[in-house]
Amino acid sequence: MKKLLFLSFIIWGIIFWLGKTIFLFENLWRKTTDRNYIIPDESSLLKFRATKMNQGSGDGWLYGEDENYYYSTKTGEKNPRYIKFLKKDTSQFRNFNRFQIVTWRKNCFKKLIDN
């Protein structure tokens, strides 16, 4: 009995740890509860992490990231999809802030957002 209880604690611990290290459970939950929740095409359910959620009426994310990109749905468009920014390119911008879309727009995204 003690071995079974110990084994169940180990299994739940592994599940909890996996839930914190890969974002599969969080993304699956949000995809099933909100049909408008998007995972960027360049990312996956395992790797995408929403870093800032909309605090208003929608449940969508405003900012997210994976190992290669930062993403934002704050595009200024009425029906925004998202824009992405390569993490390795952030060194080009002295005042880059992953939670401030205006710092992304300086060069690369000015054309995309103004069109």
Protein backbone atom coordinates (compact mmCIF):
# COMPACT_ATOMS: atom_id res chain seq x y z
CA MET A 1 0.00 0.00 0.00
CA LYS A 2 2.81 2.40 0.88
CA LYS A 3 4.57 1.59 -2.39
CA LEU A 4 1.41 2.33 -4.36
CA LEU A 5 0.92 5.65 -2.58
CA PHE A 6 4.57 6.57 -3.13
CA LEU A 7 4.29 5.62 -6.82
CA SER A 8 1.18 7.75 -7.26
CA PHE A 9 2.99 10.76 -5.71
CA ILE A 10 5.88 10.21 -8.12
CA ILE A 11 3.55 9.99 -11.12
CA TRP A 12 1.64 13.12 -10.13
CA GLY A 13 4.93 14.91 -9.52
CA ILE A 14 6.13 14.02 -13.00
CA ILE A 15 2.83 15.14 -14.54
CA PHE A 16 3.02 18.44 -12.64
CA TRP A 17 6.64 18.96 -13.68
CA LEU A 18 5.84 18.21 -17.33
CA GLY A 19 2.92 20.62 -17.16
CA LYS A 20 5.27 23.37 -16.05
CA THR A 21 8.10 22.64 -18.48
CA ILE A 22 6.13 21.92 -21.64
CA PHE A 23 3.07 24.00 -22.26
CA LEU A 24 0.99 21.22 -23.80
CA PHE A 25 -1.59 20.99 -21.01
CA GLU A 26 -2.12 24.74 -20.77
CA ASN A 27 -2.39 25.13 -24.55
CA LEU A 28 -4.74 22.16 -24.91
CA TRP A 29 -6.98 23.52 -22.17
CA ARG A 30 -7.15 26.95 -23.76
CA LYS A 31 -7.72 25.51 -27.25
CA THR A 32 -10.62 23.39 -26.00
CA THR A 33 -12.25 26.11 -23.89
CA ASP A 34 -11.75 29.01 -26.32
CA ARG A 35 -12.20 28.36 -30.01
CA ASN A 36 -10.50 31.69 -30.84
CA TYR A 37 -7.29 30.80 -28.99
CA ILE A 38 -4.50 30.53 -31.53
CA ILE A 39 -1.14 28.81 -31.55
CA PRO A 40 1.23 30.49 -34.01
CA ASP A 41 1.96 28.47 -37.14
CA GLU A 42 5.70 28.72 -36.43
CA SER A 43 5.29 27.19 -32.98
CA SER A 44 3.49 24.18 -31.51
CA LEU A 45 1.28 23.11 -28.62
CA LEU A 46 4.39 21.83 -26.84
CA LYS A 47 6.57 24.92 -27.23
CA PHE A 48 4.34 27.98 -27.33
CA ARG A 49 3.92 29.86 -24.05
CA ALA A 50 1.49 32.73 -23.58
CA THR A 51 3.41 35.25 -21.50
CA LYS A 52 0.73 37.93 -21.15
CA MET A 53 -2.99 37.26 -21.38
CA ASN A 54 -5.77 39.68 -22.24
CA GLN A 55 -7.29 40.94 -19.00
CA GLY A 56 -10.42 42.20 -20.74
CA SER A 57 -13.38 40.33 -22.15
CA GLY A 58 -11.36 37.97 -24.34
CA ASP A 59 -9.29 35.03 -23.19
CA GLY A 60 -6.66 35.39 -25.89
CA TRP A 61 -3.01 36.09 -25.33
CA LEU A 62 -1.41 39.45 -26.03
CA TYR A 63 2.20 38.29 -25.92
CA GLY A 64 3.78 34.87 -26.23
CA GLU A 65 7.03 33.16 -27.04
CA ASP A 66 8.77 29.95 -27.95
CA GLU A 67 12.44 29.08 -28.37
CA ASN A 68 12.80 31.13 -31.59
CA TYR A 69 10.23 33.94 -31.63
CA TYR A 70 8.35 36.51 -29.61
CA TYR A 71 4.71 36.86 -30.71
CA SER A 72 2.08 39.52 -30.22
CA THR A 73 -1.56 39.84 -31.15
CA LYS A 74 -1.48 43.59 -30.43
CA THR A 75 -1.14 44.47 -34.11
CA GLY A 76 -3.49 47.45 -34.11
CA GLU A 77 -5.79 45.70 -36.57
CA LYS A 78 -9.47 45.08 -35.97
CA ASN A 79 -9.16 41.29 -36.37
CA PRO A 80 -5.56 40.66 -35.40
CA ARG A 81 -3.77 37.46 -36.12
CA TYR A 82 -0.28 37.94 -34.71
CA ILE A 83 3.15 39.24 -35.55
CA LYS A 84 6.44 37.59 -34.71
CA PHE A 85 9.93 38.77 -33.95
CA LEU A 86 13.05 36.60 -34.00
CA LYS A 87 14.64 36.41 -30.57
CA LYS A 88 18.12 36.54 -32.05
CA ASP A 89 17.28 39.92 -33.66
CA THR A 90 16.41 41.60 -30.37
CA SER A 91 20.03 42.64 -29.89
CA GLN A 92 19.58 45.10 -32.78
CA PHE A 93 17.15 47.16 -30.71
CA ARG A 94 18.54 48.92 -27.69
CA ASN A 95 15.15 49.49 -26.06
CA PHE A 96 13.48 46.23 -27.07
CA ASN A 97 10.82 45.10 -24.60
CA ARG A 98 9.03 41.84 -25.27
CA PHE A 99 5.87 43.24 -23.62
CA GLN A 100 5.78 46.53 -25.57
CA ILE A 101 4.82 46.17 -29.23
CA VAL A 102 5.95 49.72 -30.00
CA THR A 103 9.56 48.63 -29.46
CA TRP A 104 9.12 45.93 -32.12
CA ARG A 105 7.90 48.31 -34.81
CA LYS A 106 11.03 50.38 -35.35
CA ASN A 107 12.34 48.82 -38.57
CA CYS A 108 11.20 45.32 -39.41
CA PHE A 109 7.51 45.61 -38.63
CA LYS A 110 6.80 49.16 -39.73
CA LYS A 111 5.90 47.97 -43.24
CA LEU A 112 3.75 45.08 -41.97
CA ILE A 113 1.77 47.16 -39.52
CA ASP A 114 1.33 50.24 -41.73
CA ASN A 115 -0.07 48.20 -44.66
